Amino acid sequence: MIATKDRSVTSWQVALLCLVLMGATLAVYGPTVKYSFIDFDDGVYVFDNPRIATGFASDNVASAFKTVCAGNWHPLTMLSLMMGCQLFGVQPGPQHLINAVLHAANTGLLFFVLLRMTIKPWRSAIVAGLFGLHPVHVESVAWIAERKDVLSGFFFMLTLGSYVRFAQVRSEPATAKAGGREKQSVTDTCQAILWYALAGVFLTFGLMSKPMLVSTPFLLLLVDYWPLHRMLRTKDLGFLLLEKLPLLGLALASSAVTLWAQGSSGSVLSLASLPLLQRLANASSAYVFYLGKLFWPQGLMIPYLPEANANPAWPWCCAIGVAFVTILLLWPLRRWKYLAFGWLWFVIALVPVIGIVQAGIQVAADRYTYLPSIGLFIAVVWGLADLSAMVRVPGLIIAMALVLILGANAFLTSRQIACWQNSETLFLHTLKIDPTNMIALNSLAWAYATDPDPSLRNGAQALRIAEACAQQTERREPVFLMTLAAAYAEVGQFESATQTAREGLRLVANGPATTFANDLSADLELFQSGKAIPERYYLGQAKRQIRP
């Protein structure tokens, strides 16, 4: 039997805990409503995308389902951004608010679902608090383009909650006596079918928001192991796997669509350029990297690039370390199941973005920890709670430690959020941590040349930085030439802008048709007409003005 009620807390106390968690999360992320768009995908997703900026006009809704954006097919994410523009115009503030509200809702839902599964209100609240206030999640919330993280997270929480209810209904024994037992069984079966169907619907919505949820069926299998305790015998595994087949089918379909979308955008690296064995080794180092950021969240930035002089032995050392930790935590299966659960949740949830299928050159991203971090939070909180009970730590000391830990997370998160005020503050922050980060330097130049906020644009500064980037790469990087062309256009040198754009197109002429090549061609047409890039924002019927 799976318990579903806890007599140690009342309903109003649970509601109050949830409100405190959500309120604290919203308070920390409140300043983002005054922040601007970021010149790093926000244009692709909102202010330079006419189908989003014009709201629910014309065939925009249908296009969300028929087109790929930034190498991904996520129509519900596009519709949510479209709705923001429809209701509030092309303004960053409301879009930031929607992200913050979704993240706060995810925090509250996580608390409720954990409480439902474990009957541990205070432990559940601490895990939810860490989830809502940890600084590594700032990228997922403060970045408008990462609407897909918080939106898919919302549907994931609903999927998990529906599945837990399904499992609990399946496990509840019939309470009616002989005559009513059959009726009770039919009722339970209908309820179970309904909850499972809801889990499937929510998972579908989640996958249409961000395909990273393809690991969800395996995470639900972990939930069966602990804390639902449905995997009591070896033979239970086969039945539970069979139970997940419809959800697994959804995940496989989403994986196929994602591979097609990323392949069509030209962002997937081939096995020839990065062999499978090396990818597996790199994946192990990524796990170690994310562990470090979760336990010591310093040096958070965007983007993370490969180290130029990295020790080639490091990935293999990480692989050995990950294997050792896995074996170590799987050993005490019977007594501390939550340790194996938390570690495997972290490992499995990261698989879709760990680098087995490599898209782009970045080696990691803070946003990838949004859902995987939950497993580690559970393992740590449950482990420390049991340890403190064993050594009989006074409750006052525990309470003070919790306030200190959550307060420290809130402080670090507030400080990290401040880096996301606009493109300039964000990329200057990255360059402060990694002065050699050429992507951040180029992005800073792009922001100075093209930012939708006129007060941030600085054509002369953009030209100086863009010329330095192009020279350092011997004018062999078309992305940097694209930025240089934009900088020339911003200072009115359209002939130089046209020549530079053509130079960039020649570098990609022999490759496959990619989104980048199409964008550069569009830029070239703009320069030839004597216009700078900001003049093309809000195409078609977009009449709204940007207010930072």
Protein backbone atom coordinates (compact mmCIF):
# COMPACT_ATOMS: atom_id res chain seq x y z
CA MET A 1 0.00 0.00 0.00
CA ILE A 2 1.17 3.54 -0.78
CA ALA A 3 0.32 6.04 1.92
CA THR A 4 -1.15 9.30 0.71
CA LYS A 5 -1.82 11.27 3.90
CA ASP A 6 0.36 12.62 6.67
CA ARG A 7 -1.26 13.33 10.00
CA SER A 8 1.73 15.42 11.20
CA VAL A 9 0.69 18.42 9.09
CA THR A 10 -2.68 19.94 8.34
CA SER A 11 -3.96 21.00 4.93
CA TRP A 12 -3.60 24.68 5.75
CA GLN A 13 0.01 24.16 6.80
CA VAL A 14 0.74 22.43 3.50
CA ALA A 15 -0.93 25.29 1.61
CA LEU A 16 1.03 27.85 3.61
CA LEU A 17 4.33 26.07 2.92
CA CYS A 18 3.52 26.02 -0.78
CA LEU A 19 2.65 29.73 -0.81
CA VAL A 20 5.88 30.60 1.02
CA LEU A 21 7.94 28.60 -1.47
CA MET A 22 6.24 30.14 -4.49
CA GLY A 23 6.30 33.62 -2.99
CA ALA A 24 10.01 33.43 -2.18
CA THR A 25 10.77 32.24 -5.71
CA LEU A 26 8.75 35.04 -7.28
CA ALA A 27 10.36 37.62 -4.98
CA VAL A 28 13.86 36.57 -6.00
CA TYR A 29 13.04 36.61 -9.72
CA GLY A 30 10.88 39.74 -9.53
CA PRO A 31 13.61 42.11 -10.79
CA THR A 32 13.67 40.35 -14.17
CA VAL A 33 10.43 42.11 -15.19
CA LYS A 34 12.55 45.25 -15.68
CA TYR A 35 15.17 43.48 -17.79
CA SER A 36 15.64 43.67 -21.56
CA PHE A 37 15.80 41.10 -24.32
CA ILE A 38 19.09 39.25 -24.73
CA ASP A 39 20.80 39.23 -28.15
CA PHE A 40 21.37 35.51 -27.86
CA ASP A 41 18.33 33.67 -29.28
CA ASP A 42 15.73 36.13 -27.92
CA GLY A 43 15.64 37.65 -31.39
CA VAL A 44 15.14 34.27 -33.02
CA TYR A 45 12.34 33.46 -30.60
CA VAL A 46 10.63 36.85 -30.21
CA PHE A 47 11.65 40.30 -31.43
CA ASP A 48 13.19 39.29 -34.78
CA ASN A 49 10.59 36.63 -35.50
CA PRO A 50 7.55 38.14 -37.25
CA ARG A 51 5.40 35.07 -36.65
CA ILE A 52 5.88 35.47 -32.90
CA ALA A 53 5.98 39.27 -32.70
CA THR A 54 2.64 39.62 -34.51
CA GLY A 55 0.84 37.35 -32.05
CA PHE A 56 -2.02 35.14 -33.18
CA ALA A 57 -2.25 36.83 -36.56
CA SER A 58 -2.74 35.16 -39.94
CA ASP A 59 -1.44 31.58 -39.97
CA ASN A 60 1.03 32.06 -37.11
CA VAL A 61 -0.55 29.33 -34.96
CA ALA A 62 -0.28 26.76 -37.74
CA SER A 63 3.31 27.81 -38.44
CA ALA A 64 4.27 26.98 -34.85
CA PHE A 65 3.50 23.33 -35.62
CA LYS A 66 4.96 23.30 -39.12
CA THR A 67 8.30 25.05 -38.66
CA VAL A 68 11.55 24.51 -36.78
CA CYS A 69 13.07 27.27 -34.65
CA ALA A 70 16.74 27.28 -33.58
CA GLY A 71 17.06 23.62 -34.52
CA ASN A 72 14.10 22.51 -32.39
CA TRP A 73 10.48 21.61 -32.92
CA HIS A 74 8.66 22.92 -29.83
CA PRO A 75 5.31 24.37 -30.94
CA LEU A 76 3.89 24.93 -27.45
CA THR A 77 6.89 27.04 -26.50
CA MET A 78 6.37 29.12 -29.64
CA LEU A 79 2.66 29.48 -28.90
CA SER A 80 3.35 30.65 -25.35
CA LEU A 81 5.76 33.33 -26.61
CA MET A 82 3.24 34.25 -29.28
CA MET A 83 0.56 34.63 -26.61
CA GLY A 84 2.81 37.01 -24.67
CA CYS A 85 3.18 39.22 -27.72
CA GLN A 86 -0.54 39.03 -28.44
CA LEU A 87 -1.47 40.15 -24.92
CA PHE A 88 1.33 42.59 -24.12
CA GLY A 89 3.06 43.48 -27.36
CA VAL A 90 6.75 42.95 -28.10
CA GLN A 91 7.96 43.80 -24.62
CA PRO A 92 10.47 41.84 -22.54
CA GLY A 93 8.92 42.56 -19.13
CA PRO A 94 5.76 40.45 -19.50
CA GLN A 95 7.71 37.59 -21.07
CA HIS A 96 10.12 37.63 -18.12
CA LEU A 97 7.15 37.62 -15.74
CA ILE A 98 5.63 34.58 -17.44
CA ASN A 99 8.93 32.71 -17.02
CA ALA A 100 9.10 33.65 -13.33
CA VAL A 101 5.49 32.60 -12.70
CA LEU A 102 6.03 29.26 -14.42
CA HIS A 103 9.16 28.62 -12.35
CA ALA A 104 7.30 29.49 -9.14
CA ALA A 105 4.47 27.17 -10.18
CA ASN A 106 6.99 24.38 -10.84
CA THR A 107 8.41 24.91 -7.36
CA GLY A 108 4.96 24.57 -5.80
CA LEU A 109 4.07 21.55 -7.92
CA LEU A 110 7.33 19.82 -7.02
CA PHE A 111 6.54 20.29 -3.34
CA PHE A 112 3.05 18.82 -3.72
CA VAL A 113 4.21 15.85 -5.81
CA LEU A 114 7.07 15.00 -3.44
CA LEU A 115 4.74 15.27 -0.47
CA ARG A 116 2.27 12.98 -2.20
CA MET A 117 5.01 10.42 -2.89
CA THR A 118 6.98 10.50 0.36
CA ILE A 119 4.71 11.85 3.11
CA LYS A 120 7.63 14.00 4.25
CA PRO A 121 6.43 17.63 4.22
CA TRP A 122 9.55 19.35 5.51
CA ARG A 123 11.97 17.38 3.38
CA SER A 124 9.76 17.98 0.36
CA ALA A 125 9.66 21.70 1.11
CA ILE A 126 13.47 21.90 1.37
CA VAL A 127 13.94 20.11 -1.96
CA ALA A 128 11.40 22.44 -3.58
CA GLY A 129 13.12 25.44 -2.01
CA LEU A 130 16.49 24.38 -3.41
CA PHE A 131 14.89 23.86 -6.80
CA GLY A 132 13.27 27.30 -6.76
CA LEU A 133 16.22 29.27 -5.37
CA HIS A 134 19.36 27.55 -6.67
CA PRO A 135 21.48 29.94 -8.80
CA VAL A 136 22.20 27.33 -11.47
CA HIS A 137 18.56 27.69 -12.58
CA VAL A 138 18.83 31.41 -13.31
CA GLU A 139 19.63 30.77 -16.97
CA SER A 140 16.41 28.78 -17.38
CA VAL A 141 14.24 31.53 -15.87
CA ALA A 142 15.89 34.88 -16.62
CA TRP A 143 16.38 34.08 -20.31
CA ILE A 144 13.21 34.58 -22.35
CA ALA A 145 14.40 32.14 -25.04
CA GLU A 146 14.48 29.43 -22.37
CA ARG A 147 10.71 29.54 -21.98
CA LYS A 148 11.00 25.95 -23.15
CA ASP A 149 12.71 24.98 -19.88
CA VAL A 150 10.12 26.34 -17.48
CA LEU A 151 7.17 25.38 -19.71
CA SER A 152 8.35 21.80 -20.23
CA GLY A 153 9.14 21.70 -16.50
CA PHE A 154 5.54 22.67 -15.75
CA PHE A 155 4.16 19.84 -17.88
CA PHE A 156 6.74 17.45 -16.41
CA MET A 157 5.49 18.18 -12.90
CA LEU A 158 1.92 17.54 -14.04
CA THR A 159 3.04 14.31 -15.73
CA LEU A 160 4.79 13.15 -12.58
CA GLY A 161 1.84 14.07 -10.39
CA SER A 162 -0.63 12.25 -12.65
CA TYR A 163 1.57 9.16 -12.79
CA VAL A 164 1.96 9.08 -9.01
CA ARG A 165 -1.82 9.25 -8.63
CA PHE A 166 -2.17 6.43 -11.20
CA ALA A 167 0.31 4.28 -9.28
CA GLN A 168 -1.40 4.96 -5.98
CA VAL A 169 -4.82 4.06 -7.35
CA ARG A 170 -3.36 0.83 -8.77
CA SER A 171 -1.85 -0.02 -5.41
CA GLU A 172 -4.83 0.76 -3.18
CA PRO A 173 -6.43 -2.46 -1.90
CA ALA A 174 -10.15 -2.94 -2.31
CA THR A 175 -11.85 -1.82 0.89
CA ALA A 176 -15.31 -3.03 0.09
CA LYS A 177 -16.56 -6.35 1.34
CA ALA A 178 -17.40 -9.32 -0.83
CA GLY A 179 -20.45 -7.90 -2.60
CA GLY A 180 -18.85 -4.54 -3.47
CA ARG A 181 -15.35 -5.72 -4.31
CA GLU A 182 -15.98 -6.04 -8.03
CA LYS A 183 -17.54 -2.58 -8.20
CA GLN A 184 -14.61 -1.10 -6.31
CA SER A 185 -12.16 -2.77 -8.67
CA VAL A 186 -13.95 -1.37 -11.75
CA THR A 187 -13.94 2.12 -10.23
CA ASP A 188 -10.24 1.92 -9.42
CA THR A 189 -9.46 0.70 -12.93
CA CYS A 190 -11.34 3.61 -14.50
CA GLN A 191 -9.55 6.08 -12.25
CA ALA A 192 -6.19 4.50 -13.05
CA ILE A 193 -6.87 4.72 -16.79
CA LEU A 194 -7.86 8.37 -16.43
CA TRP A 195 -4.71 9.29 -14.47
CA TYR A 196 -2.47 7.39 -16.90
CA ALA A 197 -4.14 9.12 -19.86
CA LEU A 198 -3.55 12.49 -18.20
CA ALA A 199 0.11 11.58 -17.68
CA GLY A 200 0.36 10.78 -21.39
CA VAL A 201 -1.33 14.05 -22.39
CA PHE A 202 0.91 16.14 -20.12
CA LEU A 203 4.02 14.32 -21.35
CA THR A 204 2.98 15.05 -24.94
CA PHE A 205 2.62 18.74 -24.07
CA GLY A 206 5.99 18.66 -22.33
CA LEU A 207 7.72 17.10 -25.31
CA MET A 208 6.12 19.75 -27.54
CA SER A 209 7.67 22.36 -25.24
CA LYS A 210 11.16 20.87 -25.04
CA PRO A 211 12.22 17.39 -26.20
CA MET A 212 14.59 16.95 -23.24
CA LEU A 213 11.67 15.18 -21.53
CA VAL A 214 12.33 12.04 -23.60
CA SER A 215 13.91 10.47 -20.50
CA THR A 216 10.63 10.79 -18.54
CA PRO A 217 9.52 7.11 -18.88
CA PHE A 218 12.77 5.99 -17.26
CA LEU A 219 12.43 8.59 -14.50
CA LEU A 220 8.95 7.23 -13.78
CA LEU A 221 10.48 3.77 -13.52
CA LEU A 222 12.83 5.17 -10.88
CA VAL A 223 9.82 6.57 -9.02
CA ASP A 224 8.38 3.04 -9.01
CA TYR A 225 11.59 1.87 -7.31
CA TRP A 226 11.56 4.69 -4.76
CA PRO A 227 9.55 6.20 -3.15
CA LEU A 228 6.49 4.33 -4.48
CA HIS A 229 8.09 0.91 -3.75
CA ARG A 230 6.34 -0.82 -6.63
CA MET A 231 9.51 -2.69 -7.62
CA LEU A 232 9.67 -5.18 -4.76
CA ARG A 233 10.67 -8.23 -6.78
CA THR A 234 12.80 -8.76 -9.85
CA LYS A 235 9.81 -9.92 -11.87
CA ASP A 236 8.06 -6.60 -11.17
CA LEU A 237 10.50 -4.88 -13.51
CA GLY A 238 9.09 -6.52 -16.64
CA PHE A 239 5.53 -5.50 -15.80
CA LEU A 240 6.54 -1.93 -14.96
CA LEU A 241 8.49 -1.64 -18.22
CA LEU A 242 5.47 -2.89 -20.15
CA GLU A 243 3.38 -0.30 -18.34
CA LYS A 244 5.64 2.47 -19.68
CA LEU A 245 5.48 1.43 -23.35
CA PRO A 246 2.89 4.06 -24.44
CA LEU A 247 4.93 6.81 -22.79
CA LEU A 248 8.12 5.39 -24.28
CA GLY A 249 6.48 5.53 -27.71
CA LEU A 250 5.84 9.25 -27.23
CA ALA A 251 9.47 9.76 -26.22
CA LEU A 252 10.78 7.87 -29.23
CA ALA A 253 8.58 9.86 -31.60
CA SER A 254 9.83 13.10 -30.07
CA SER A 255 13.44 11.91 -30.37
CA ALA A 256 12.98 11.19 -34.07
CA VAL A 257 11.47 14.62 -34.70
CA THR A 258 14.27 16.30 -32.72
CA LEU A 259 17.02 14.52 -34.66
CA TRP A 260 15.36 15.56 -37.90
CA ALA A 261 14.96 19.19 -36.74
CA GLN A 262 18.55 19.51 -35.55
CA GLY A 263 19.88 17.74 -38.61
CA SER A 264 17.97 20.06 -40.93
CA SER A 265 19.46 23.10 -39.18
CA GLY A 266 23.00 21.78 -39.64
CA SER A 267 23.80 21.93 -35.92
CA VAL A 268 24.56 18.24 -35.29
CA LEU A 269 28.23 17.21 -35.37
CA SER A 270 28.98 14.03 -37.32
CA LEU A 271 30.66 10.96 -35.83
CA ALA A 272 33.60 11.63 -38.12
CA SER A 273 34.26 14.98 -36.42
CA LEU A 274 33.70 13.58 -32.91
CA PRO A 275 33.87 9.76 -32.45
CA LEU A 276 31.37 7.99 -30.21
CA LEU A 277 33.99 6.83 -27.71
CA GLN A 278 35.20 10.39 -27.24
CA ARG A 279 31.62 11.58 -26.81
CA LEU A 280 31.08 9.06 -24.01
CA ALA A 281 34.24 10.24 -22.27
CA ASN A 282 33.19 13.88 -22.68
CA ALA A 283 29.78 13.01 -21.24
CA SER A 284 31.44 11.77 -18.06
CA SER A 285 33.35 15.05 -17.67
CA ALA A 286 30.07 16.91 -18.20
CA TYR A 287 28.50 14.99 -15.29
CA VAL A 288 31.41 16.04 -13.07
CA PHE A 289 31.06 19.63 -14.33
CA TYR A 290 27.36 19.78 -13.44
CA LEU A 291 28.00 18.23 -10.02
CA GLY A 292 30.49 20.98 -9.35
CA LYS A 293 28.08 23.74 -10.38
CA LEU A 294 25.27 22.32 -8.24
CA PHE A 295 27.37 21.96 -5.08
CA TRP A 296 29.55 25.05 -5.65
CA PRO A 297 27.67 27.44 -7.97
CA GLN A 298 30.49 29.82 -8.83
CA GLY A 299 31.60 30.97 -12.28
CA LEU A 300 28.16 30.51 -13.82
CA MET A 301 28.15 31.95 -17.34
CA ILE A 302 27.00 31.54 -20.91
CA PRO A 303 28.33 29.95 -23.02
CA TYR A 304 30.77 27.34 -21.72
CA LEU A 305 33.34 26.47 -24.40
CA PRO A 306 35.93 23.68 -24.56
CA GLU A 307 39.20 24.48 -22.84
CA ALA A 308 42.02 25.07 -25.31
CA ASN A 309 44.66 23.22 -23.28
CA ALA A 310 42.50 20.66 -21.50
CA ASN A 311 44.18 17.51 -20.24
CA PRO A 312 43.10 14.67 -22.60
CA ALA A 313 43.13 12.25 -19.66
CA TRP A 314 40.57 14.25 -17.70
CA PRO A 315 37.42 12.86 -19.45
CA TRP A 316 38.60 9.30 -18.84
CA CYS A 317 39.30 10.03 -15.17
CA CYS A 318 35.78 11.45 -14.94
CA ALA A 319 34.37 8.31 -16.57
CA ILE A 320 36.05 6.15 -13.92
CA GLY A 321 34.78 8.47 -11.18
CA VAL A 322 31.19 8.41 -12.45
CA ALA A 323 31.26 4.61 -12.69
CA PHE A 324 32.69 4.36 -9.16
CA VAL A 325 30.02 6.66 -7.67
CA THR A 326 27.28 4.72 -9.46
CA ILE A 327 28.48 1.39 -8.06
CA LEU A 328 28.99 2.90 -4.61
CA LEU A 329 25.48 4.34 -4.42
CA LEU A 330 23.79 1.25 -5.86
CA TRP A 331 25.40 -0.93 -3.18
CA PRO A 332 23.19 0.06 -0.20
CA LEU A 333 20.01 -0.67 -2.17
CA ARG A 334 17.83 -1.82 0.68
CA ARG A 335 18.62 0.74 3.36
CA TRP A 336 19.12 4.02 1.52
CA LYS A 337 17.22 3.66 -1.72
CA TYR A 338 16.94 7.41 -2.11
CA LEU A 339 20.69 7.66 -2.77
CA ALA A 340 20.51 5.38 -5.80
CA PHE A 341 17.26 7.09 -6.86
CA GLY A 342 18.71 10.59 -6.69
CA TRP A 343 21.94 9.74 -8.51
CA LEU A 344 20.25 7.75 -11.26
CA TRP A 345 17.65 10.51 -11.72
CA PHE A 346 20.48 12.99 -12.22
CA VAL A 347 22.33 10.70 -14.65
CA ILE A 348 19.30 9.63 -16.70
CA ALA A 349 17.66 13.06 -16.93
CA LEU A 350 20.88 14.52 -18.36
CA VAL A 351 21.33 11.85 -21.05
CA PRO A 352 19.49 13.79 -23.83
CA VAL A 353 21.84 16.79 -23.47
CA ILE A 354 25.05 15.18 -22.21
CA GLY A 355 26.73 15.20 -25.63
CA ILE A 356 26.07 11.72 -27.05
CA VAL A 357 24.29 13.59 -29.84
CA GLN A 358 26.40 16.74 -30.09
CA ALA A 359 24.68 19.90 -31.34
CA GLY A 360 26.84 23.01 -31.46
CA ILE A 361 30.24 23.61 -29.90
CA GLN A 362 29.30 24.42 -26.30
CA VAL A 363 30.25 21.71 -23.83
CA ALA A 364 27.65 22.43 -21.16
CA ALA A 365 24.87 24.83 -20.13
CA ASP A 366 23.39 25.69 -16.75
CA ARG A 367 19.86 25.30 -18.14
CA TYR A 368 20.40 21.59 -18.70
CA THR A 369 20.33 21.01 -14.92
CA TYR A 370 16.77 22.34 -14.51
CA LEU A 371 15.08 18.95 -13.96
CA PRO A 372 18.13 16.68 -13.41
CA SER A 373 19.09 18.65 -10.28
CA ILE A 374 15.94 17.43 -8.50
CA GLY A 375 17.45 13.97 -8.04
CA LEU A 376 20.57 15.29 -6.33
CA PHE A 377 18.53 17.61 -4.12
CA ILE A 378 16.42 14.65 -2.97
CA ALA A 379 19.44 12.45 -2.27
CA VAL A 380 21.19 15.16 -0.28
CA VAL A 381 18.16 16.31 1.73
CA TRP A 382 16.98 12.80 2.59
CA GLY A 383 20.52 11.70 3.39
CA LEU A 384 21.24 14.64 5.69
CA ALA A 385 17.85 14.27 7.38
CA ASP A 386 18.50 10.61 8.17
CA LEU A 387 22.04 11.36 9.29
CA SER A 388 20.90 14.14 11.62
CA ALA A 389 18.32 11.77 13.11
CA MET A 390 20.98 9.12 13.71
CA VAL A 391 23.30 11.53 15.57
CA ARG A 392 20.36 13.37 17.19
CA VAL A 393 21.10 16.88 16.01
CA PRO A 394 18.85 19.40 17.86
CA GLY A 395 15.95 20.70 15.81
CA LEU A 396 16.95 24.34 16.35
CA ILE A 397 20.36 23.75 14.78
CA ILE A 398 18.76 22.01 11.81
CA ALA A 399 16.31 24.87 11.32
CA MET A 400 19.10 27.47 11.47
CA ALA A 401 21.19 25.49 8.98
CA LEU A 402 18.25 25.26 6.58
CA VAL A 403 17.58 28.99 6.76
CA LEU A 404 21.27 29.67 6.14
CA ILE A 405 21.46 27.31 3.14
CA LEU A 406 18.27 28.56 1.48
CA GLY A 407 19.20 32.17 2.25
CA ALA A 408 22.65 31.70 0.71
CA ASN A 409 21.05 30.22 -2.42
CA ALA A 410 18.62 33.13 -2.66
CA PHE A 411 21.48 35.62 -2.32
CA LEU A 412 23.62 33.91 -4.97
CA THR A 413 20.61 33.66 -7.27
CA SER A 414 19.82 37.36 -6.89
CA ARG A 415 23.42 38.20 -7.72
CA GLN A 416 23.39 35.92 -10.78
CA ILE A 417 20.07 37.35 -11.95
CA ALA A 418 21.60 40.83 -12.02
CA CYS A 419 23.96 39.66 -14.78
CA TRP A 420 20.94 39.15 -17.06
CA GLN A 421 19.78 42.79 -17.14
CA ASN A 422 20.73 43.12 -20.81
CA SER A 423 23.15 41.72 -23.37
CA GLU A 424 25.98 43.99 -22.28
CA THR A 425 25.86 43.00 -18.60
CA LEU A 426 25.53 39.32 -19.51
CA PHE A 427 28.49 39.04 -21.87
CA LEU A 428 30.72 41.34 -19.84
CA HIS A 429 30.06 38.97 -16.94
CA THR A 430 31.11 36.00 -19.08
CA LEU A 431 34.25 37.78 -20.27
CA LYS A 432 35.14 38.62 -16.69
CA ILE A 433 35.17 34.89 -15.91
CA ASP A 434 36.62 33.75 -19.25
CA PRO A 435 38.39 36.60 -21.09
CA THR A 436 39.23 34.27 -24.01
CA ASN A 437 35.60 33.35 -24.72
CA MET A 438 35.32 34.35 -28.37
CA ILE A 439 31.59 33.55 -28.59
CA ALA A 440 30.85 35.95 -25.72
CA LEU A 441 33.07 38.61 -27.27
CA ASN A 442 31.38 38.24 -30.64
CA SER A 443 27.96 38.28 -28.97
CA LEU A 444 28.87 41.52 -27.21
CA ALA A 445 29.78 43.07 -30.55
CA TRP A 446 26.51 41.78 -32.04
CA ALA A 447 24.60 43.38 -29.16
CA TYR A 448 26.30 46.73 -29.66
CA ALA A 449 25.44 46.56 -33.37
CA THR A 450 21.91 45.18 -33.31
CA ASP A 451 20.28 45.36 -29.87
CA PRO A 452 16.58 46.30 -30.00
CA ASP A 453 17.23 48.88 -27.28
CA PRO A 454 18.71 51.94 -29.09
CA SER A 455 20.36 53.17 -25.89
CA LEU A 456 22.53 50.04 -25.81
CA ARG A 457 23.67 50.18 -29.43
CA ASN A 458 27.16 51.51 -30.04
CA GLY A 459 28.26 51.09 -33.63
CA ALA A 460 31.85 52.21 -33.12
CA GLN A 461 32.36 49.84 -30.18
CA ALA A 462 30.72 47.01 -32.12
CA LEU A 463 33.02 47.62 -35.10
CA ARG A 464 36.13 47.64 -32.92
CA ILE A 465 35.28 44.34 -31.21
CA ALA A 466 34.00 42.64 -34.39
CA GLU A 467 37.15 43.55 -36.32
CA ALA A 468 39.29 42.10 -33.52
CA CYS A 469 37.27 38.83 -33.56
CA ALA A 470 37.53 38.53 -37.35
CA GLN A 471 41.27 39.18 -37.34
CA GLN A 472 41.93 36.74 -34.50
CA THR A 473 40.23 33.97 -36.50
CA GLU A 474 41.88 35.09 -39.77
CA ARG A 475 38.41 35.87 -41.20
CA ARG A 476 37.63 32.16 -41.43
CA GLU A 477 34.61 32.15 -39.10
CA PRO A 478 31.42 33.13 -40.96
CA VAL A 479 29.62 33.88 -37.68
CA PHE A 480 32.18 36.55 -36.83
CA LEU A 481 31.99 37.97 -40.34
CA MET A 482 28.23 38.20 -39.95
CA THR A 483 28.72 40.32 -36.82
CA LEU A 484 31.34 42.47 -38.54
CA ALA A 485 28.94 43.11 -41.42
CA ALA A 486 26.22 44.11 -38.95
CA ALA A 487 28.64 46.51 -37.25
CA TYR A 488 29.56 48.11 -40.58
CA ALA A 489 25.86 48.59 -41.32
CA GLU A 490 25.22 50.16 -37.91
CA VAL A 491 27.84 52.86 -38.59
CA GLY A 492 26.45 53.42 -42.10
CA GLN A 493 29.22 51.68 -44.08
CA PHE A 494 26.83 49.57 -46.16
CA GLU A 495 29.30 48.82 -48.95
CA SER A 496 31.70 47.24 -46.43
CA ALA A 497 28.77 45.46 -44.81
CA THR A 498 27.74 43.97 -48.16
CA GLN A 499 31.26 42.84 -49.03
CA THR A 500 31.75 41.25 -45.60
CA ALA A 501 28.42 39.44 -45.77
CA ARG A 502 29.33 38.06 -49.19
CA GLU A 503 32.68 36.94 -47.77
CA GLY A 504 30.86 35.03 -45.05
CA LEU A 505 28.49 33.43 -47.56
CA ARG A 506 31.43 32.19 -49.63
CA LEU A 507 32.74 30.35 -46.57
CA VAL A 508 29.48 28.43 -46.19
CA ALA A 509 28.69 28.09 -49.89
CA ASN A 510 30.03 24.55 -50.21
CA GLY A 511 28.29 23.29 -47.09
CA PRO A 512 24.67 22.21 -46.60
CA ALA A 513 21.89 24.78 -46.56
CA THR A 514 21.61 25.82 -42.92
CA THR A 515 19.61 28.31 -40.89
CA PHE A 516 22.75 30.40 -40.52
CA ALA A 517 23.30 30.58 -44.28
CA ASN A 518 19.69 31.68 -44.76
CA ASP A 519 20.04 34.34 -42.06
CA LEU A 520 23.24 35.69 -43.60
CA SER A 521 21.57 35.88 -47.00
CA ALA A 522 18.70 37.85 -45.46
CA ASP A 523 21.23 40.20 -43.83
CA LEU A 524 22.93 40.73 -47.18
CA GLU A 525 19.66 41.79 -48.80
CA LEU A 526 19.09 44.22 -45.94
CA PHE A 527 22.53 45.79 -46.32
CA GLN A 528 22.10 46.09 -50.07
CA SER A 529 18.94 48.12 -49.44
CA GLY A 530 20.86 50.49 -47.17
CA LYS A 531 19.38 49.30 -43.87
CA ALA A 532 20.90 48.11 -40.61
CA ILE A 533 19.64 44.97 -38.89
CA PRO A 534 17.49 46.68 -36.21
CA GLU A 535 15.36 48.17 -38.99
CA ARG A 536 13.96 44.75 -39.88
CA TYR A 537 12.56 43.95 -36.44
CA TYR A 538 8.79 43.48 -36.14
CA LEU A 539 8.14 42.49 -39.75
CA GLY A 540 4.70 42.07 -41.25
CA GLN A 541 1.89 43.26 -39.00
CA ALA A 542 4.00 43.85 -35.89
CA LYS A 543 3.16 47.36 -34.69
CA ARG A 544 4.16 47.11 -31.04
CA GLN A 545 7.07 49.00 -29.56
CA ILE A 546 9.83 47.60 -27.39
CA ARG A 547 10.10 48.90 -23.88
CA PRO A 548 13.15 47.62 -22.02
